[in-house]
Protein backbone atom coordinates (compact mmCIF):
# COMPACT_ATOMS: atom_id res chain seq x y z
CA MET A 1 26.30 9.38 -10.71
CA LEU A 2 22.84 7.85 -9.70
CA ARG A 3 22.63 4.08 -9.47
CA LEU A 4 22.00 1.73 -12.45
CA GLY A 5 19.64 -0.51 -10.45
CA GLY A 6 17.68 2.76 -9.77
CA LEU A 7 15.82 2.89 -12.81
CA LEU A 8 13.49 -0.30 -12.36
CA GLY A 9 11.10 1.59 -10.80
CA LEU A 10 11.13 4.56 -13.01
CA PHE A 11 11.40 2.93 -15.92
CA VAL A 12 7.87 0.89 -14.96
CA LEU A 13 6.49 4.58 -14.68
CA ALA A 14 8.31 6.40 -17.82
CA ALA A 15 6.49 5.15 -20.40
CA VAL A 16 3.42 3.15 -19.27
CA ALA A 17 1.28 4.21 -22.10
CA GLY A 18 0.63 1.74 -24.67
CA GLU A 19 2.51 -1.15 -26.86
CA PRO A 20 5.56 0.49 -28.28
CA ALA A 21 4.81 1.33 -31.87
CA PRO A 22 6.65 2.32 -35.22
CA PRO A 23 6.11 5.49 -36.90
CA VAL A 24 2.41 6.18 -37.77
CA GLN A 25 2.00 6.34 -41.20
CA GLY A 26 0.95 10.06 -42.37
CA SER A 27 1.57 11.46 -38.79
CA SER A 28 3.89 14.42 -38.33
CA MET A 29 4.46 13.76 -34.55
CA PRO A 30 7.39 11.52 -34.90
CA ALA A 31 9.15 14.04 -37.39
CA ALA A 32 8.37 16.87 -34.50
CA ILE A 33 9.31 14.79 -31.74
CA ALA A 34 12.81 13.88 -33.48
CA ALA A 35 13.39 17.45 -34.57
CA HIS A 36 13.00 18.69 -30.74
CA ILE A 37 15.46 15.95 -29.54
CA THR A 38 17.99 17.12 -32.17
CA GLN A 39 17.63 20.73 -31.39
CA LEU A 40 18.20 19.59 -27.66
CA ALA A 41 21.31 17.53 -28.32
CA THR A 42 23.02 21.07 -29.14
CA GLU A 43 22.01 22.72 -26.07
CA GLU A 44 24.36 22.80 -22.87
CA ALA A 45 21.27 22.00 -20.35
CA PRO A 46 18.46 20.81 -22.74
CA ALA A 47 15.30 22.31 -21.65
CA VAL A 48 11.60 22.51 -22.85
CA ARG A 49 9.84 25.42 -21.81
CA ASP A 50 12.23 26.44 -19.50
CA SER A 51 12.16 23.15 -17.56
CA ALA A 52 15.45 21.32 -17.82
CA LEU A 53 15.39 17.53 -18.75
CA ALA A 54 17.08 15.92 -16.34
CA ALA A 55 16.63 12.46 -18.22
CA TYR A 56 17.46 13.82 -21.42
CA VAL A 57 19.88 11.07 -22.52
CA LEU A 58 17.51 8.18 -21.56
CA ILE A 59 14.51 10.22 -23.52
CA GLU A 60 16.54 10.27 -26.72
CA ASN A 61 17.51 6.74 -26.36
CA PHE A 62 13.61 5.78 -25.73
CA TYR A 63 12.14 7.69 -28.28
CA ALA A 64 14.86 6.83 -30.82
CA ARG A 65 14.18 3.10 -30.22
CA ARG A 66 10.70 3.44 -30.65
CA GLY A 67 10.84 5.67 -34.05
CA PHE A 68 9.79 8.62 -31.93
CA ALA A 69 6.50 7.53 -31.91
CA PRO A 70 4.50 9.54 -29.03
CA VAL A 71 3.53 8.14 -26.00
CA TRP A 72 1.28 10.46 -24.14
CA SER A 73 -1.20 11.16 -26.98
CA ASP A 74 -3.98 9.41 -24.70
CA PRO A 75 -5.61 12.46 -22.46
CA ALA A 76 -6.83 9.94 -19.76
CA ARG A 77 -3.11 8.67 -19.19
CA ALA A 78 -1.95 11.98 -19.35
CA ARG A 79 -4.05 13.35 -16.65
CA ALA A 80 -3.00 10.17 -14.75
CA LEU A 81 0.47 11.48 -14.67
CA ILE A 82 -0.24 14.98 -13.91
CA ASP A 83 -2.27 13.81 -11.18
CA GLY A 84 0.28 11.82 -9.99
CA VAL A 85 2.88 14.64 -9.99
CA ARG A 86 0.26 16.67 -8.13
CA ASP A 87 -0.06 14.00 -5.24
CA SER A 88 3.60 13.69 -4.84
CA ALA A 89 3.22 16.42 -2.10
CA ALA A 90 1.51 13.94 -0.22
CA ASP A 91 4.86 12.14 0.05
CA GLY A 92 6.80 14.97 0.74
CA LEU A 93 8.10 15.68 -2.67
CA VAL A 94 7.87 18.92 -4.64
CA PRO A 95 5.58 18.98 -7.51
CA ALA A 96 7.40 21.52 -9.22
CA ASP A 97 10.54 19.31 -9.60
CA TYR A 98 8.17 17.38 -12.05
CA HIS A 99 7.49 20.11 -14.38
CA LEU A 100 4.13 20.54 -13.12
CA ASP A 101 3.15 24.17 -13.98
CA ALA A 102 4.80 23.33 -17.73
CA LEU A 103 2.71 20.27 -18.04
CA VAL A 104 -0.57 21.95 -16.75
CA ALA A 105 -0.11 24.86 -19.55
CA LEU A 106 0.98 22.45 -22.51
CA SER A 107 -2.09 20.02 -21.59
CA ARG A 108 -4.58 23.41 -22.01
CA GLU A 109 -2.59 24.43 -25.05
CA ILE A 110 -2.80 21.20 -27.15
CA ALA A 111 -6.25 20.62 -25.90
CA GLN A 112 -6.97 23.60 -28.20
CA PRO A 113 -8.20 23.31 -31.95
CA GLY A 114 -5.09 25.00 -33.32
CA ALA A 115 -2.23 22.94 -31.43
CA THR A 116 0.72 22.07 -33.27
CA ASP A 117 2.78 19.37 -33.39
CA SER A 118 5.67 21.15 -31.96
CA GLN A 119 3.77 22.14 -29.12
CA ARG A 120 2.47 18.52 -28.76
CA ALA A 121 6.18 17.21 -28.95
CA GLU A 122 7.24 19.65 -26.00
CA PHE A 123 4.43 17.79 -23.89
CA GLU A 124 5.63 14.45 -24.85
CA LEU A 125 9.41 15.24 -23.79
CA LEU A 126 8.28 16.92 -20.87
CA MET A 127 5.80 14.17 -19.83
CA THR A 128 8.51 11.43 -20.07
CA ASP A 129 11.04 13.61 -18.06
CA ALA A 130 8.35 13.75 -15.53
CA ALA A 131 7.55 10.21 -15.19
CA ILE A 132 10.96 9.40 -15.25
CA ARG A 133 11.71 11.74 -12.50
CA LEU A 134 8.82 10.97 -10.47
CA GLY A 135 9.40 7.37 -10.61
CA TYR A 136 12.98 7.43 -9.51
CA HIS A 137 12.12 9.74 -6.35
CA LEU A 138 9.42 7.19 -5.26
CA TRP A 139 11.45 4.27 -5.67
CA PHE A 140 14.75 5.37 -4.46
CA GLY A 141 14.27 8.74 -3.05
CA LYS A 142 15.24 12.03 -4.28
CA VAL A 143 18.49 12.47 -2.15
CA ASP A 144 21.41 10.54 -2.82
CA PRO A 145 23.18 10.10 0.49
CA VAL A 146 26.32 9.32 -1.06
CA SER A 147 26.76 12.99 -1.88
CA PHE A 148 27.28 13.74 1.83
CA ASP A 149 28.57 10.10 3.08
CA SER A 150 30.94 8.42 1.18
CA GLY A 151 30.91 5.17 2.96
CA TRP A 152 27.09 4.78 2.67
CA ASN A 153 26.30 1.12 1.84
CA LEU A 154 22.70 0.84 1.97
CA ALA A 155 21.81 1.78 -1.31
CA ARG A 156 19.31 -0.46 -3.89
CA ARG A 157 20.90 -1.87 -6.69
CA VAL A 158 18.90 -3.98 -9.71
CA PRO A 159 21.97 -4.68 -12.18
CA GLY A 160 21.54 -6.39 -15.44
CA PHE A 161 19.08 -4.86 -17.70
CA ASP A 162 18.71 -2.63 -20.44
CA PRO A 163 16.66 0.63 -19.31
CA VAL A 164 15.17 1.37 -22.42
CA VAL A 165 13.90 -2.64 -23.18
CA GLU A 166 12.41 -1.96 -19.41
CA ILE A 167 10.60 0.96 -20.74
CA GLU A 168 9.22 -0.85 -23.47
CA ARG A 169 8.15 -3.44 -21.73
CA ALA A 170 6.35 -1.32 -19.19
CA LEU A 171 4.29 0.13 -22.23
CA SER A 172 1.32 -2.63 -21.94
CA SER A 173 0.64 -1.54 -18.25
CA PRO A 174 -3.13 -0.66 -18.58
CA ASP A 175 -3.07 1.62 -15.23
CA LEU A 176 -0.74 4.30 -15.00
CA ALA A 177 -2.22 5.50 -11.69
CA ALA A 178 -1.86 2.14 -9.97
CA THR A 179 1.65 1.80 -11.55
CA ILE A 180 2.80 5.19 -9.96
CA ARG A 181 1.23 3.94 -6.56
CA LYS A 182 3.29 0.57 -6.70
CA GLN A 183 6.57 2.76 -6.83
CA ARG A 184 6.25 3.76 -2.82
CA PRO A 185 7.47 1.71 -0.40
CA ASP A 186 4.76 -0.42 1.02
CA GLU A 187 6.06 -0.73 4.86
CA GLY A 188 3.58 0.41 7.39
CA VAL A 189 6.50 3.15 8.65
CA TYR A 190 6.05 4.84 5.33
CA THR A 191 2.11 4.93 5.09
CA GLY A 192 2.18 6.08 9.02
CA LEU A 193 4.59 8.73 8.00
CA LYS A 194 2.37 10.03 4.92
CA ARG A 195 -0.70 9.98 6.91
CA GLU A 196 1.19 11.97 9.94
CA LEU A 197 2.77 14.86 7.24
CA ALA A 198 -0.81 15.15 6.14
CA ARG A 199 -2.18 15.53 9.99
CA TYR A 200 0.74 18.14 10.90
CA ARG A 201 0.26 20.04 7.42
CA ASP A 202 -3.60 20.16 8.82
CA ILE A 203 -2.22 21.25 12.25
CA ALA A 204 -0.22 23.90 10.64
CA ALA A 205 -3.24 25.01 8.43
CA ARG A 206 -5.17 25.54 11.56
CA GLY A 207 -2.52 27.58 13.01
CA GLY A 208 -0.08 25.28 14.82
CA TRP A 209 0.97 26.03 18.43
CA GLU A 210 2.99 28.38 20.44
CA PRO A 211 6.33 28.21 22.15
CA ILE A 212 5.92 27.29 25.95
CA PRO A 213 7.18 30.29 27.77
CA PRO A 214 10.27 29.82 29.84
CA GLY A 215 10.27 29.51 33.48
CA PRO A 216 10.80 26.73 36.30
CA THR A 217 9.98 22.96 35.77
CA LEU A 218 6.17 22.54 36.14
CA LYS A 219 5.00 19.39 38.39
CA PRO A 220 1.53 17.84 38.66
CA GLY A 221 -0.35 20.06 41.17
CA ASP A 222 1.25 23.19 40.27
CA SER A 223 -0.59 26.24 39.28
CA ASP A 224 1.11 28.46 36.74
CA GLN A 225 -0.27 30.82 33.56
CA ARG A 226 1.90 28.68 31.52
CA ILE A 227 -0.18 25.84 32.13
CA PRO A 228 -3.03 26.62 29.50
CA VAL A 229 -0.22 27.11 26.58
CA VAL A 230 1.07 23.63 27.79
CA ARG A 231 -2.55 22.20 27.51
CA ALA A 232 -3.38 23.84 24.13
CA ARG A 233 -0.03 22.55 22.71
CA LEU A 234 -0.65 19.01 23.78
CA ALA A 235 -3.91 19.30 22.45
CA ALA A 236 -2.80 20.44 19.30
CA THR A 237 -1.24 16.97 18.40
CA GLY A 238 -3.94 15.18 19.94
CA ASP A 239 -1.90 13.92 22.99
CA LEU A 240 -4.36 15.74 25.17
CA ALA A 241 -7.40 13.96 23.75
CA ASP A 242 -9.94 16.12 25.70
CA ALA A 243 -9.03 19.68 26.76
CA THR A 244 -12.01 20.40 28.31
CA LEU A 245 -11.96 21.27 31.84
CA ALA A 246 -14.61 20.29 34.57
CA ALA A 247 -16.89 22.97 35.81
CA GLY A 248 -14.87 25.37 38.63
CA GLN A 249 -11.24 23.78 37.47
CA SER A 250 -8.80 26.26 36.99
CA PRO A 251 -7.14 26.51 33.40
CA GLU A 252 -3.65 26.92 35.43
CA LYS A 253 -3.97 24.01 37.21
CA PHE A 254 -1.50 21.03 36.43
CA ASP A 255 -4.15 18.00 36.63
CA ALA A 256 -3.95 14.48 36.28
CA ALA A 257 -5.29 14.49 32.84
CA LEU A 258 -2.45 16.67 31.65
CA GLU A 259 -0.03 14.88 33.26
CA GLN A 260 -1.14 11.83 31.42
CA ALA A 261 -0.90 13.63 28.48
CA LEU A 262 2.04 15.05 29.02
CA ARG A 263 3.90 11.57 29.80
CA ALA A 264 2.53 10.31 26.15
CA PHE A 265 4.06 13.20 24.50
CA GLN A 266 7.24 12.62 26.32
CA SER A 267 7.36 8.78 25.43
CA ARG A 268 7.07 10.11 21.57
CA MET A 269 9.86 12.44 21.70
CA GLY A 270 12.22 10.10 23.33
CA LEU A 271 12.29 11.93 26.74
CA ASN A 272 12.16 10.29 30.35
CA THR A 273 8.40 9.94 31.13
CA ASP A 274 8.80 11.95 34.47
CA GLY A 275 5.51 13.81 33.62
CA THR A 276 7.27 17.27 34.53
CA VAL A 277 7.59 19.81 32.10
CA GLY A 278 11.37 20.63 32.52
CA PRO A 279 13.68 22.10 29.89
CA ASN A 280 14.04 19.49 27.39
CA THR A 281 10.08 18.91 27.47
CA VAL A 282 9.81 22.62 26.87
CA ALA A 283 12.67 22.50 23.94
CA GLU A 284 10.59 19.73 22.48
CA LEU A 285 7.33 21.11 22.86
CA SER A 286 8.18 24.44 21.44
CA VAL A 287 9.41 22.85 18.19
CA PRO A 288 7.47 24.39 15.60
CA VAL A 289 5.06 22.80 13.75
CA GLN A 290 6.81 23.72 10.12
CA SER A 291 9.80 21.91 11.58
CA ARG A 292 7.73 18.81 12.32
CA ILE A 293 6.40 19.04 8.84
CA ARG A 294 9.96 19.05 7.36
CA GLN A 295 11.37 16.39 9.78
CA LEU A 296 8.52 14.22 8.05
CA ARG A 297 9.42 15.10 4.82
CA ILE A 298 13.16 13.96 5.42
CA ASN A 299 12.34 10.85 7.07
CA LEU A 300 9.72 9.93 4.41
CA ASP A 301 12.80 10.38 1.50
CA ARG A 302 14.66 8.42 4.13
CA GLY A 303 12.11 5.50 3.63
CA ARG A 304 12.00 5.61 -0.06
CA VAL A 305 15.95 5.39 0.26
CA LEU A 306 15.84 2.58 2.96
CA LEU A 307 12.70 0.61 3.07
CA TYR A 308 13.46 -2.05 0.46
CA ASP A 309 14.57 -5.88 0.40
CA LEU A 310 14.09 -5.78 4.42
CA PRO A 311 15.39 -9.27 5.54
CA PRO A 312 12.82 -11.16 7.33
CA GLU A 313 14.92 -10.95 10.45
CA PHE A 314 17.37 -8.23 11.33
CA VAL A 315 19.06 -6.18 14.06
CA VAL A 316 18.66 -2.47 13.55
CA VAL A 317 20.21 0.29 15.50
CA ASN A 318 18.10 3.63 15.25
CA ILE A 319 21.51 5.97 15.86
CA ALA A 320 19.23 9.18 16.01
CA SER A 321 16.72 7.44 18.95
CA GLN A 322 19.96 5.79 20.31
CA GLU A 323 18.05 2.43 20.40
CA VAL A 324 18.55 -1.06 18.99
CA MET A 325 15.97 -3.56 18.27
CA TYR A 326 15.51 -7.27 17.02
CA VAL A 327 13.03 -7.55 14.51
CA LYS A 328 11.53 -10.58 13.12
CA ALA A 329 8.42 -10.82 10.40
CA GLY A 330 8.61 -6.65 10.55
CA ARG A 331 8.23 -6.44 14.07
CA PRO A 332 10.11 -5.67 16.69
CA VAL A 333 10.66 -8.88 19.11
CA TRP A 334 13.30 -7.03 21.57
CA SER A 335 14.77 -3.27 22.07
CA ALA A 336 16.66 -1.85 24.10
CA ARG A 337 18.35 1.44 24.84
CA ALA A 338 21.61 2.17 23.24
CA GLN A 339 24.50 4.60 23.69
CA VAL A 340 26.00 5.89 20.59
CA GLY A 341 29.14 8.03 19.16
CA ARG A 342 29.94 11.50 20.43
CA GLN A 343 29.08 14.17 18.02
CA TYR A 344 32.89 14.30 17.09
CA ARG A 345 33.04 10.29 17.00
CA GLN A 346 29.89 9.73 14.91
CA THR A 347 28.37 6.35 14.78
CA PRO A 348 28.13 5.53 10.96
CA GLU A 349 25.12 4.40 8.89
CA TYR A 350 26.03 0.99 7.25
CA ARG A 351 24.48 -2.34 6.69
CA SER A 352 26.28 -5.50 7.33
CA ALA A 353 25.41 -8.98 9.19
CA ILE A 354 26.50 -9.99 12.60
CA ASN A 355 28.71 -13.44 12.24
CA TYR A 356 30.04 -14.00 15.85
CA LEU A 357 29.96 -12.69 19.27
CA VAL A 358 33.04 -12.47 21.90
CA LEU A 359 32.40 -13.20 25.24
CA ASN A 360 34.58 -11.53 28.01
CA PRO A 361 36.37 -9.68 25.10
CA THR A 362 39.76 -7.64 25.43
CA TRP A 363 39.74 -4.25 24.07
CA THR A 364 42.63 -2.79 21.92
CA VAL A 365 42.42 0.80 21.87
CA PRO A 366 42.21 1.99 18.07
CA PRO A 367 44.38 4.68 16.98
CA GLY A 368 41.68 7.56 17.05
CA ILE A 369 41.44 7.17 20.67
CA ILE A 370 45.06 6.63 21.45
CA ALA A 371 45.73 10.05 19.52
CA LYS A 372 42.56 11.99 21.14
CA ASP A 373 42.27 10.67 24.66
CA ILE A 374 45.66 8.52 25.53
CA LEU A 375 48.59 10.57 24.33
CA PRO A 376 47.67 13.72 25.59
CA ALA A 377 47.54 12.43 29.31
CA ALA A 378 50.47 9.82 28.83
CA LYS A 379 52.85 12.64 27.68
CA ARG A 380 52.21 14.44 30.86
CA ASP A 381 52.05 11.31 33.23
CA PRO A 382 52.71 7.59 31.47
CA ALA A 383 51.01 6.44 34.87
CA SER A 384 47.89 7.36 33.55
CA ILE A 385 47.84 4.54 31.13
CA THR A 386 47.85 1.93 33.81
CA ARG A 387 45.44 3.89 35.68
CA LYS A 388 42.91 3.36 32.59
CA GLY A 389 43.16 -0.47 32.81
CA LEU A 390 45.63 -0.56 29.92
CA ARG A 391 48.60 -2.79 29.25
CA VAL A 392 51.34 -1.66 26.61
CA LEU A 393 52.62 -4.24 24.17
CA ASP A 394 55.52 -4.09 22.03
CA ALA A 395 55.50 -5.64 18.49
CA SER A 396 56.54 -8.95 19.80
CA GLY A 397 53.48 -9.09 22.43
CA ARG A 398 56.22 -8.47 25.51
CA GLU A 399 54.64 -6.18 28.38
CA LEU A 400 56.32 -2.70 28.64
CA ALA A 401 55.86 -0.42 31.66
CA PRO A 402 54.22 2.82 30.62
CA SER A 403 57.41 4.81 31.78
CA ALA A 404 59.71 2.97 29.57
CA VAL A 405 57.97 4.75 26.59
CA ASN A 406 58.62 8.26 25.65
CA TRP A 407 55.55 8.88 24.54
CA SER A 408 56.26 12.65 23.50
CA LYS A 409 57.69 11.18 20.19
CA TYR A 410 54.21 10.47 18.86
CA SER A 411 51.96 12.87 17.48
CA SER A 412 49.04 10.16 16.18
CA GLY A 413 47.30 7.05 17.17
CA ASN A 414 49.85 5.08 14.88
CA ILE A 415 52.31 4.12 17.45
CA PRO A 416 54.69 0.97 17.47
CA TYR A 417 52.77 -0.51 20.47
CA THR A 418 49.36 -1.96 21.35
CA LEU A 419 47.41 -0.85 24.11
CA ARG A 420 45.21 -3.33 25.44
CA GLN A 421 42.71 -3.89 28.44
CA ASP A 422 42.19 -7.35 29.74
CA PRO A 423 38.77 -9.20 30.00
CA GLY A 424 36.49 -8.10 33.09
CA PRO A 425 33.50 -6.14 34.35
CA THR A 426 35.52 -2.66 34.14
CA ASN A 427 36.45 -3.63 30.50
CA ALA A 428 35.41 -0.58 28.19
CA LEU A 429 33.56 -3.39 25.82
CA GLY A 430 31.93 -5.05 29.04
CA LEU A 431 31.46 -8.72 28.82
CA VAL A 432 30.02 -9.66 25.36
CA LYS A 433 30.60 -8.17 21.94
CA PHE A 434 28.75 -8.39 18.50
CA MET A 435 30.94 -8.19 15.44
CA PHE A 436 30.19 -7.62 11.85
CA PRO A 437 32.61 -6.86 9.06
CA ASN A 438 32.73 -2.89 8.41
CA PRO A 439 35.40 -0.51 7.60
CA TYR A 440 34.83 1.51 10.47
CA ALA A 441 35.98 -0.84 13.50
CA VAL A 442 32.38 -0.51 14.81
CA TYR A 443 30.46 -3.02 16.33
CA LEU A 444 27.83 -3.34 19.23
CA HIS A 445 28.93 -4.12 22.76
CA ASP A 446 28.11 -4.28 26.18
CA THR A 447 29.46 -1.47 28.69
CA PRO A 448 30.42 -0.83 32.52
CA SER A 449 28.93 2.74 32.04
CA ARG A 450 25.19 1.58 32.63
CA ALA A 451 24.35 4.39 34.37
CA LEU A 452 24.18 6.63 30.84
CA PHE A 453 21.49 4.62 29.64
CA GLU A 454 19.38 6.77 31.80
CA ARG A 455 20.15 9.92 29.89
CA ASP A 456 17.63 11.46 27.53
CA GLU A 457 20.85 11.92 24.99
CA ARG A 458 23.03 8.90 25.08
CA THR A 459 26.01 10.54 22.62
CA THR A 460 28.64 8.98 24.99
CA SER A 461 30.80 6.36 23.08
CA SER A 462 33.46 6.74 20.46
CA GLY A 463 31.40 5.44 17.65
CA CYS A 464 30.60 1.90 18.61
CA VAL A 465 27.02 1.28 19.88
CA ARG A 466 26.81 0.14 23.86
CA VAL A 467 23.80 -2.00 24.25
CA GLU A 468 21.67 -2.02 27.70
CA ARG A 469 20.93 -5.84 28.28
CA PRO A 470 23.09 -7.34 25.81
CA PHE A 471 22.78 -10.71 26.93
CA GLU A 472 19.06 -10.65 26.07
CA LEU A 473 20.37 -9.91 22.54
CA ALA A 474 23.14 -12.56 22.94
CA GLU A 475 20.70 -15.06 23.72
CA LEU A 476 18.17 -14.22 20.66
CA LEU A 477 20.96 -14.18 18.27
CA LEU A 478 22.61 -17.69 19.20
CA ASN A 479 19.21 -19.01 18.84
CA ASP A 480 19.85 -22.23 20.56
CA SER A 481 18.08 -23.15 24.20
CA VAL A 482 20.26 -26.38 24.57
CA LYS A 483 23.95 -25.36 24.18
CA TRP A 484 23.25 -21.25 24.37
CA SER A 485 20.62 -20.86 26.93
CA ARG A 486 20.95 -17.82 29.05
CA ALA A 487 22.34 -19.82 32.02
CA LYS A 488 25.05 -21.44 29.78
CA ILE A 489 25.97 -17.99 28.16
CA ASP A 490 26.51 -16.82 32.31
CA GLN A 491 28.50 -20.04 32.89
CA ALA A 492 30.92 -19.13 29.99
CA VAL A 493 31.00 -15.48 31.08
CA ALA A 494 31.91 -16.51 34.59
CA THR A 495 35.16 -18.24 33.68
CA GLY A 496 36.41 -14.92 32.59
CA ARG A 497 38.04 -16.63 29.52
CA LEU A 498 37.81 -14.85 26.27
CA GLN A 499 35.61 -16.80 23.68
CA ASN A 500 34.36 -16.56 20.40
CA VAL A 501 31.17 -17.87 19.24
CA THR A 502 30.38 -17.86 15.88
CA LEU A 503 26.57 -17.78 15.04
CA ALA A 504 24.79 -20.60 13.18
CA LYS A 505 23.16 -17.91 10.86
CA ARG A 506 24.37 -14.61 9.94
CA VAL A 507 22.17 -12.14 11.23
CA PRO A 508 21.68 -8.79 9.18
CA VAL A 509 22.52 -5.69 11.13
CA LEU A 510 21.55 -2.04 9.75
CA LEU A 511 22.82 1.16 11.50
CA VAL A 512 20.33 3.63 10.62
CA TYR A 513 19.54 7.18 11.31
CA TRP A 514 15.54 7.81 11.68
CA THR A 515 14.31 10.88 13.29
CA ALA A 516 10.73 10.57 12.67
CA TRP A 517 8.94 7.14 12.25
CA VAL A 518 5.37 5.83 13.16
CA ASP A 519 5.65 2.81 16.11
CA THR A 520 3.54 -0.32 16.53
CA ALA A 521 0.76 1.55 17.89
CA GLY A 522 0.49 4.02 15.18
CA LYS A 523 1.72 6.86 17.16
CA VAL A 524 4.27 9.31 15.63
CA GLN A 525 7.69 9.37 16.97
CA PHE A 526 10.19 12.15 16.80
CA ARG A 527 13.87 12.32 17.79
CA ARG A 528 16.37 15.28 17.80
CA ASP A 529 18.88 15.75 15.06
CA ILE A 530 21.73 14.60 17.32
CA TYR A 531 24.42 14.75 14.20
CA GLY A 532 23.26 17.43 11.95
CA ARG A 533 22.34 14.80 9.30
CA ASP A 534 18.51 15.76 8.77
CA GLU A 535 20.14 19.50 7.84
CA LYS A 536 22.10 17.58 5.01
CA TRP A 537 19.42 15.60 4.01
CA ALA A 538 16.83 18.87 3.83
CA GLN A 539 19.38 20.54 1.62
CA ALA A 540 19.41 17.98 -0.95
CA LEU A 541 15.57 17.19 -0.56
CA GLU A 542 14.83 20.93 -1.53
CA GLU A 543 17.45 21.34 -4.33
CA PRO A 544 16.30 21.26 -8.08
CA PHE A 545 16.88 17.87 -10.01
CA ARG A 546 19.55 19.20 -12.08
CA PHE A 547 20.44 18.15 -15.73
CA ARG A 548 23.02 15.46 -16.02
CA ARG A 549 24.87 14.61 -19.57
CA GLU A 550 25.37 11.26 -18.39
CA PRO A 551 21.98 8.87 -18.14
CA LEU A 552 20.39 8.37 -14.99
CA GLY A 553 21.89 4.96 -13.70
């Protein structure tokens, strides 16, 4: 069921058309509206002109409360909503979800001299349903991530109000167009994505670009018949600002301007900026423009879901880009590369707050890793446990030799022993970990596997987030230049002693999944859909907004 709190924005939209009114004396419109609502109540899937009313229950309650008086009798207000429905395409939404064709047809019909109250009543109900749908989608996003991620806890909630009362309060709004605009996130990321969606649609209208033919890696100074295709591709997206060649210059020559443009493109794709056209760069250059448009639409909807009530200070992990940032006052003050979960051990999306750090942590192997990584090897050779730097502890904390345990007895990771790695530079968690409550046993931490940060794709962990330069993050979180300066942190680590350090102030942490966004320099960034989550989002984004017998909420 959709979230009750999600109704605040859509209720502001649903009836901003004047003061709530009792039935108009001598008018037959209330009777026509009431008759249509009564008839719709008998239908399995209430619809007007074959357009399903997704918000039927709310509409029924709303009109009953106002004595079935019409809402959309002012043509200017009606036009404002229809224009808002058309404009929803600029947000990556589909105007057909909001009855656009039926509304346009009915608006023409009721403008004719012989229009009936029945036609006007149909227009009323479709308009209100369109307003509710559009308001909900702009305020909360069309996609409900809980439908494919039961652990999702990033939902917006606004409890404690009566939906119909909120509608009636909103009726006094004098400017419907402005009210619609206010439903969108006002974050720069969102407005930037809208701008880029329009730009990429314009690129598509001009023919898009060609894929790059396969071949050996191209390097500066090379001459190759593929170079003109690369040049045209980079010019199409503005990475190559001036594609004009100097007099006498061969179009097949890989010159300095092309190298600079290529490095800018690679940076926007999260690739190593080596200035060469290798396999990864060819793959990103060849992604079709329509795929980029879809990516922008998906992330605009993510923005409508996620860009709300952001704290002034927080840590954010972008799982898709494999990066971690510390944000203050809406701007990143620190960032670093990260390693995230492998395909079969994906890092979850979650919102929590970091409450303490652990210096020189031990690592207790979780059941999932025991089952998949430890047991198969231990059954063949118990000494493999020792080679991994692990100790076997029984329920009383007594250490056992790995050879003393019959590992073949166990088929899952729920064994009656604890497998633990002592603190030290080779510990799987490195020398510091960042703790926050969550049901996944996931946290941020250091790692001895530092060479993996150099990869373009860093899906290398068992679900936790490995942080490059973690002690810089620790110093920012502790925020105490006297007690916990970098030198003091290093001294504490040098002791080799496990130490828990509680933060003076809990810092929110968001683990999110963005495959497209606009950075602080105004450049659009794209990342690969490493977990296939864009595909699920896209499927839900394209589904029609279905009728539900229970109220939205």
